[in-house]
PDB file of N, CA and C in Angstrom:
ATOM      1  N   MET A   1     -67.225  25.626 -58.410  1.00  0.00           N
ATOM      2  CA  MET A   1     -68.459  25.648 -57.276  1.00  0.00           C
ATOM      3  C   MET A   1     -69.008  27.127 -57.623  1.00  0.00           C
ATOM      4  N   THR A   2     -70.201  27.328 -57.490  1.00  0.00           N
ATOM      5  CA  THR A   2     -71.124  28.473 -57.852  1.00  0.00           C
ATOM      6  C   THR A   2     -70.936  29.446 -56.935  1.00  0.00           C
ATOM      7  N   LYS A   3     -70.717  30.926 -57.219  1.00  0.00           N
ATOM      8  CA  LYS A   3     -70.487  31.812 -56.292  1.00  0.00           C
ATOM      9  C   LYS A   3     -72.007  32.092 -55.763  1.00  0.00           C
ATOM     10  N   ARG A   4     -71.826  32.252 -54.468  1.00  0.00           N
ATOM     11  CA  ARG A   4     -73.286  32.879 -53.597  1.00  0.00           C
ATOM     12  C   ARG A   4     -72.858  33.118 -52.244  1.00  0.00           C
ATOM     13  N   ILE A   5     -73.755  33.966 -51.815  1.00  0.00           N
ATOM     14  CA  ILE A   5     -73.791  34.449 -50.568  1.00  0.00           C
ATOM     15  C   ILE A   5     -74.955  33.767 -49.487  1.00  0.00           C
ATOM     16  N   LYS A   6     -74.893  32.972 -48.778  1.00  0.00           N
ATOM     17  CA  LYS A   6     -75.795  32.322 -47.999  1.00  0.00           C
ATOM     18  C   LYS A   6     -76.217  33.443 -46.731  1.00  0.00           C
ATOM     19  N   VAL A   7     -77.438  33.950 -46.530  1.00  0.00           N
ATOM     20  CA  VAL A   7     -77.743  34.786 -45.745  1.00  0.00           C
ATOM     21  C   VAL A   7     -78.534  34.109 -44.756  1.00  0.00           C
ATOM     22  N   GLN A   8     -78.479  34.094 -43.320  1.00  0.00           N
ATOM     23  CA  GLN A   8     -79.595  33.708 -42.447  1.00  0.00           C
ATOM     24  C   GLN A   8     -79.859  34.921 -41.283  1.00  0.00           C
ATOM     25  N   ILE A   9     -81.223  35.145 -41.372  1.00  0.00           N
ATOM     26  CA  ILE A   9     -81.547  36.204 -40.478  1.00  0.00           C
ATOM     27  C   ILE A   9     -82.554  35.266 -39.000  1.00  0.00           C
ATOM     28  N   PHE A  10     -81.993  35.738 -37.957  1.00  0.00           N
ATOM     29  CA  PHE A  10     -82.342  35.165 -36.766  1.00  0.00           C
ATOM     30  C   PHE A  10     -83.618  35.806 -36.277  1.00  0.00           C
ATOM     31  N   GLU A  11     -84.183  35.331 -35.322  1.00  0.00           N
ATOM     32  CA  GLU A  11     -85.505  35.857 -34.685  1.00  0.00           C
ATOM     33  C   GLU A  11     -85.136  37.113 -34.103  1.00  0.00           C
ATOM     34  N   ASP A  12     -83.696  37.263 -33.219  1.00  0.00           N
ATOM     35  CA  ASP A  12     -83.520  38.514 -32.521  1.00  0.00           C
ATOM     36  C   ASP A  12     -82.791  39.567 -33.560  1.00  0.00           C
ATOM     37  N   GLY A  13     -83.041  39.254 -34.699  1.00  0.00           N
ATOM     38  CA  GLY A  13     -82.523  40.186 -35.729  1.00  0.00           C
ATOM     39  C   GLY A  13     -81.033  40.465 -36.233  1.00  0.00           C
ATOM     40  N   THR A  14     -80.602  39.441 -35.839  1.00  0.00           N
ATOM     41  CA  THR A  14     -79.033  39.108 -35.842  1.00  0.00           C
ATOM     42  C   THR A  14     -78.818  38.265 -37.340  1.00  0.00           C
ATOM     43  N   VAL A  15     -77.983  38.669 -38.075  1.00  0.00           N
ATOM     44  CA  VAL A  15     -77.931  38.153 -39.454  1.00  0.00           C
ATOM     45  C   VAL A  15     -76.453  37.734 -39.550  1.00  0.00           C
ATOM     46  N   GLN A  16     -76.148  36.586 -40.239  1.00  0.00           N
ATOM     47  CA  GLN A  16     -75.130  35.452 -40.539  1.00  0.00           C
ATOM     48  C   GLN A  16     -74.986  35.669 -41.995  1.00  0.00           C
ATOM     49  N   ALA A  17     -73.840  35.965 -42.553  1.00  0.00           N
ATOM     50  CA  ALA A  17     -73.821  35.554 -43.937  1.00  0.00           C
ATOM     51  C   ALA A  17     -72.374  35.057 -44.124  1.00  0.00           C
ATOM     52  N   GLU A  18     -72.545  33.926 -45.461  1.00  0.00           N
ATOM     53  CA  GLU A  18     -71.460  33.430 -45.509  1.00  0.00           C
ATOM     54  C   GLU A  18     -71.028  33.272 -46.929  1.00  0.00           C
ATOM     55  N   VAL A  19     -70.048  33.641 -47.504  1.00  0.00           N
ATOM     56  CA  VAL A  19     -69.831  33.804 -48.925  1.00  0.00           C
ATOM     57  C   VAL A  19     -69.100  32.489 -49.443  1.00  0.00           C
ATOM     58  N   GLN A  20     -69.596  31.810 -50.483  1.00  0.00           N
ATOM     59  CA  GLN A  20     -69.186  30.510 -50.875  1.00  0.00           C
ATOM     60  C   GLN A  20     -68.831  30.668 -52.315  1.00  0.00           C
ATOM     61  N   GLY A  21     -67.666  30.260 -52.731  1.00  0.00           N
ATOM     62  CA  GLY A  21     -67.211  30.116 -54.075  1.00  0.00           C
ATOM     63  C   GLY A  21     -66.215  31.217 -54.628  1.00  0.00           C
ATOM     64  N   ILE A  22     -65.864  32.077 -53.663  1.00  0.00           N
ATOM     65  CA  ILE A  22     -64.803  33.179 -54.081  1.00  0.00           C
ATOM     66  C   ILE A  22     -63.777  32.985 -53.181  1.00  0.00           C
ATOM     67  N   LYS A  23     -62.775  32.970 -53.889  1.00  0.00           N
ATOM     68  CA  LYS A  23     -61.592  32.939 -53.177  1.00  0.00           C
ATOM     69  C   LYS A  23     -60.807  34.034 -53.096  1.00  0.00           C
ATOM     70  N   GLY A  24     -60.029  34.100 -52.059  1.00  0.00           N
ATOM     71  CA  GLY A  24     -59.109  35.071 -51.578  1.00  0.00           C
ATOM     72  C   GLY A  24     -59.996  36.315 -50.723  1.00  0.00           C
ATOM     73  N   LYS A  25     -59.244  37.331 -50.960  1.00  0.00           N
ATOM     74  CA  LYS A  25     -59.803  38.409 -49.807  1.00  0.00           C
ATOM     75  C   LYS A  25     -61.164  38.956 -50.745  1.00  0.00           C
ATOM     76  N   LYS A  26     -61.204  38.614 -51.876  1.00  0.00           N
ATOM     77  CA  LYS A  26     -62.201  39.562 -52.688  1.00  0.00           C
ATOM     78  C   LYS A  26     -63.840  39.137 -51.951  1.00  0.00           C
ATOM     79  N   CYS A  27     -63.812  38.098 -51.072  1.00  0.00           N
ATOM     80  CA  CYS A  27     -65.130  37.625 -50.532  1.00  0.00           C
ATOM     81  C   CYS A  27     -65.623  38.530 -49.846  1.00  0.00           C
ATOM     82  N   THR A  28     -64.363  39.554 -48.932  1.00  0.00           N
ATOM     83  CA  THR A  28     -64.938  40.479 -48.063  1.00  0.00           C
ATOM     84  C   THR A  28     -65.619  41.753 -48.628  1.00  0.00           C
ATOM     85  N   ASN A  29     -65.300  42.056 -50.129  1.00  0.00           N
ATOM     86  CA  ASN A  29     -65.966  43.126 -50.938  1.00  0.00           C
ATOM     87  C   ASN A  29     -67.718  42.476 -50.902  1.00  0.00           C
ATOM     88  N   TYR A  30     -67.899  41.620 -50.826  1.00  0.00           N
ATOM     89  CA  TYR A  30     -69.290  40.963 -50.914  1.00  0.00           C
ATOM     90  C   TYR A  30     -70.137  41.239 -49.376  1.00  0.00           C
ATOM     91  N   ILE A  31     -69.139  40.936 -48.294  1.00  0.00           N
ATOM     92  CA  ILE A  31     -69.756  41.364 -47.138  1.00  0.00           C
ATOM     93  C   ILE A  31     -70.180  42.914 -47.108  1.00  0.00           C
ATOM     94  N   LYS A  32     -69.155  43.764 -47.509  1.00  0.00           N
ATOM     95  CA  LYS A  32     -69.199  45.227 -47.330  1.00  0.00           C
ATOM     96  C   LYS A  32     -70.739  45.541 -48.118  1.00  0.00           C
ATOM     97  N   ILE A  33     -70.883  45.048 -49.211  1.00  0.00           N
ATOM     98  CA  ILE A  33     -72.152  45.069 -49.940  1.00  0.00           C
ATOM     99  C   ILE A  33     -73.469  45.131 -49.136  1.00  0.00           C
ATOM    100  N   LEU A  34     -73.418  43.689 -48.258  1.00  0.00           N
ATOM    101  CA  LEU A  34     -74.291  43.538 -47.393  1.00  0.00           C
ATOM    102  C   LEU A  34     -74.454  44.552 -46.205  1.00  0.00           C
ATOM    103  N   GLU A  35     -73.264  44.767 -45.815  1.00  0.00           N
ATOM    104  CA  GLU A  35     -73.525  45.785 -44.741  1.00  0.00           C
ATOM    105  C   GLU A  35     -74.269  46.957 -45.132  1.00  0.00           C
ATOM    106  N   ASP A  36     -73.942  47.448 -46.444  1.00  0.00           N
ATOM    107  CA  ASP A  36     -74.661  48.680 -47.118  1.00  0.00           C
ATOM    108  C   ASP A  36     -75.997  48.506 -47.084  1.00  0.00           C
ATOM    109  N   ILE A  37     -76.503  47.132 -47.753  1.00  0.00           N
ATOM    110  CA  ILE A  37     -77.871  47.109 -47.979  1.00  0.00           C
ATOM    111  C   ILE A  37     -78.604  47.192 -46.722  1.00  0.00           C
ATOM    112  N   LEU A  38     -78.188  46.547 -45.536  1.00  0.00           N
ATOM    113  CA  LEU A  38     -78.642  46.169 -44.324  1.00  0.00           C
ATOM    114  C   LEU A  38     -78.283  47.455 -43.381  1.00  0.00           C
ATOM    115  N   GLN A  39     -77.635  48.113 -43.625  1.00  0.00           N
ATOM    116  CA  GLN A  39     -77.287  49.564 -42.796  1.00  0.00           C
ATOM    117  C   GLN A  39     -76.667  48.778 -41.589  1.00  0.00           C
ATOM    118  N   ALA A  40     -75.740  47.609 -41.702  1.00  0.00           N
ATOM    119  CA  ALA A  40     -75.384  46.960 -40.462  1.00  0.00           C
ATOM    120  C   ALA A  40     -73.792  47.131 -40.648  1.00  0.00           C
ATOM    121  N   GLU A  41     -73.030  46.388 -39.469  1.00  0.00           N
ATOM    122  CA  GLU A  41     -71.657  46.242 -39.427  1.00  0.00           C
ATOM    123  C   GLU A  41     -71.393  45.050 -38.923  1.00  0.00           C
ATOM    124  N   THR A  42     -70.301  44.473 -39.587  1.00  0.00           N
ATOM    125  CA  THR A  42     -69.590  43.136 -39.117  1.00  0.00           C
ATOM    126  C   THR A  42     -69.085  43.266 -37.592  1.00  0.00           C
ATOM    127  N   VAL A  43     -69.650  42.062 -36.797  1.00  0.00           N
ATOM    128  CA  VAL A  43     -69.320  42.231 -35.610  1.00  0.00           C
ATOM    129  C   VAL A  43     -67.955  41.198 -35.269  1.00  0.00           C
ATOM    130  N   ASP A  44     -68.237  40.232 -36.131  1.00  0.00           N
ATOM    131  CA  ASP A  44     -67.398  38.986 -36.067  1.00  0.00           C
ATOM    132  C   ASP A  44     -67.212  38.286 -37.166  1.00  0.00           C
ATOM    133  N   SER A  45     -65.878  37.929 -37.593  1.00  0.00           N
ATOM    134  CA  SER A  45     -65.729  37.172 -39.125  1.00  0.00           C
ATOM    135  C   SER A  45     -65.069  35.994 -38.475  1.00  0.00           C
ATOM    136  N   ASP A  46     -65.358  34.807 -39.396  1.00  0.00           N
ATOM    137  CA  ASP A  46     -64.409  33.662 -39.496  1.00  0.00           C
ATOM    138  C   ASP A  46     -64.073  33.416 -41.028  1.00  0.00           C
ATOM    139  N   TYR A  47     -63.006  32.875 -41.200  1.00  0.00           N
ATOM    140  CA  TYR A  47     -62.675  32.589 -42.510  1.00  0.00           C
ATOM    141  C   TYR A  47     -62.756  31.226 -43.158  1.00  0.00           C
ATOM    142  N   THR A  48     -63.007  30.868 -44.161  1.00  0.00           N
ATOM    143  CA  THR A  48     -62.888  29.690 -44.472  1.00  0.00           C
ATOM    144  C   THR A  48     -61.645  29.232 -45.486  1.00  0.00           C
ATOM    145  N   LYS A  49     -61.257  28.132 -45.592  1.00  0.00           N
ATOM    146  CA  LYS A  49     -60.047  27.864 -46.276  1.00  0.00           C
ATOM    147  C   LYS A  49     -59.971  28.565 -47.745  1.00  0.00           C
ATOM    148  N   GLU A  50     -61.193  28.753 -48.498  1.00  0.00           N
ATOM    149  CA  GLU A  50     -61.300  29.630 -49.479  1.00  0.00           C
ATOM    150  C   GLU A  50     -60.809  31.042 -49.471  1.00  0.00           C
ATOM    151  N   TYR A  51     -60.745  31.605 -48.095  1.00  0.00           N
ATOM    152  CA  TYR A  51     -60.151  32.952 -48.051  1.00  0.00           C
ATOM    153  C   TYR A  51     -58.799  32.936 -48.317  1.00  0.00           C
ATOM    154  N   TYR A  52     -58.119  31.833 -48.034  1.00  0.00           N
ATOM    155  CA  TYR A  52     -56.663  31.636 -47.808  1.00  0.00           C
ATOM    156  C   TYR A  52     -56.147  31.085 -49.181  1.00  0.00           C
ATOM    157  N   GLU A  53     -57.046  31.007 -50.194  1.00  0.00           N
ATOM    158  CA  GLU A  53     -56.574  30.468 -51.617  1.00  0.00           C
ATOM    159  C   GLU A  53     -56.551  31.472 -52.496  1.00  0.00           C
ATOM    160  N   THR A  54     -55.830  31.266 -53.672  1.00  0.00           N
ATOM    161  CA  THR A  54     -55.714  32.353 -54.623  1.00  0.00           C
ATOM    162  C   THR A  54     -56.659  31.605 -55.964  1.00  0.00           C
ATOM    163  N   GLU A  55     -57.230  32.599 -56.559  1.00  0.00           N
ATOM    164  CA  GLU A  55     -58.121  32.345 -57.773  1.00  0.00           C
ATOM    165  C   GLU A  55     -57.089  32.196 -58.860  1.00  0.00           C
ATOM    166  N   LYS A  56     -57.468  31.292 -59.539  1.00  0.00           N
ATOM    167  CA  LYS A  56     -56.570  30.852 -60.720  1.00  0.00           C
ATOM    168  C   LYS A  56     -57.053  31.714 -62.066  1.00  0.00           C
ATOM    169  N   VAL A  57     -56.129  32.571 -62.790  1.00  0.00           N
ATOM    170  CA  VAL A  57     -56.703  33.221 -63.802  1.00  0.00           C
ATOM    171  C   VAL A  57     -55.913  32.650 -65.365  1.00  0.00           C
ATOM    172  N   MET A  58     -56.641  32.504 -66.145  1.00  0.00           N
ATOM    173  CA  MET A  58     -56.267  32.014 -67.433  1.00  0.00           C
ATOM    174  C   MET A  58     -56.133  33.108 -68.168  1.00  0.00           C
ATOM    175  N   LEU A  59     -54.777  33.336 -68.910  1.00  0.00           N
ATOM    176  CA  LEU A  59     -54.359  34.498 -69.555  1.00  0.00           C
ATOM    177  C   LEU A  59     -53.839  33.660 -70.852  1.00  0.00           C
ATOM    178  N   ASP A  60     -54.652  34.547 -71.925  1.00  0.00           N
ATOM    179  CA  ASP A  60     -54.205  34.062 -73.486  1.00  0.00           C
ATOM    180  C   ASP A  60     -53.555  35.191 -74.085  1.00  0.00           C
ATOM    181  N   GLU A  61     -52.235  34.768 -74.589  1.00  0.00           N
ATOM    182  CA  GLU A  61     -51.310  35.747 -75.314  1.00  0.00           C
ATOM    183  C   GLU A  61     -51.546  35.718 -76.627  1.00  0.00           C
ATOM    184  N   VAL A  62     -51.824  36.888 -77.442  1.00  0.00           N
ATOM    185  CA  VAL A  62     -52.141  36.617 -78.806  1.00  0.00           C
ATOM    186  C   VAL A  62     -51.160  37.668 -79.532  1.00  0.00           C
ATOM    187  N   GLU A  63     -50.270  37.338 -80.356  1.00  0.00           N
ATOM    188  CA  GLU A  63     -49.387  38.093 -81.074  1.00  0.00           C
ATOM    189  C   GLU A  63     -49.838  38.368 -82.580  1.00  0.00           C
ATOM    190  N   HIS A  64     -49.981  39.822 -82.845  1.00  0.00           N
ATOM    191  CA  HIS A  64     -50.666  40.187 -84.154  1.00  0.00           C
ATOM    192  C   HIS A  64     -49.304  40.753 -85.079  1.00  0.00           C
ATOM    193  N   GLN A  65     -49.337  40.452 -86.272  1.00  0.00           N
ATOM    194  CA  GLN A  65     -48.458  40.791 -87.129  1.00  0.00           C
ATOM    195  C   GLN A  65     -48.941  41.806 -88.372  1.00  0.00           C
ATOM    196  N   GLU A  66     -48.537  42.685 -88.617  1.00  0.00           N
ATOM    197  CA  GLU A  66     -49.104  43.385 -89.935  1.00  0.00           C
ATOM    198  C   GLU A  66     -48.246  42.955 -91.249  1.00  0.00           C
ATOM    199  N   LEU A  67     -48.721  42.518 -92.147  1.00  0.00           N
ATOM    200  CA  LEU A  67     -47.915  42.213 -93.325  1.00  0.00           C
ATOM    201  C   LEU A  67     -48.332  42.937 -94.510  1.00  0.00           C
ATOM    202  N   LYS A  68     -47.430  43.660 -95.345  1.00  0.00           N
ATOM    203  CA  LYS A  68     -47.841  44.262 -96.450  1.00  0.00           C
ATOM    204  C   LYS A  68     -47.394  43.756 -97.693  1.00  0.00           C
ATOM    205  N   ALA A  69     -47.997  43.891 -98.713  1.00  0.00           N
ATOM    206  CA  ALA A  69     -47.637  43.038-100.044  1.00  0.00           C
ATOM    207  C   ALA A  69     -46.601  43.999-100.563  1.00  0.00           C
ATOM    208  N   GLY A  70     -45.380  43.120-101.204  1.00  0.00           N
ATOM    209  CA  GLY A  70     -44.575  43.788-102.028  1.00  0.00           C
ATOM    210  C   GLY A  70     -43.363  44.311-100.963  1.00  0.00           C
ATOM    211  N   GLU A  71     -43.223  44.015 -99.826  1.00  0.00           N
ATOM    212  CA  GLU A  71     -42.341  44.295 -98.732  1.00  0.00           C
ATOM    213  C   GLU A  71     -41.544  42.946 -98.601  1.00  0.00           C
TER     214      GLU A  71
END
């Protein structure tokens, strides 16, 4: 899923934001950025199932050996 932030601004000035495609608690970092940009603060939060999931990270291990001629 593509990472995105869905922002809705209502007639009364209320802003609703939904972070999509970001698993785990990292999504709250994006809400903090929106708070800073909008000079606002979060009043209420609802968490999606993605909030409780962990992001899979692929690690590749590479071993380097140095060989010298004549040894």
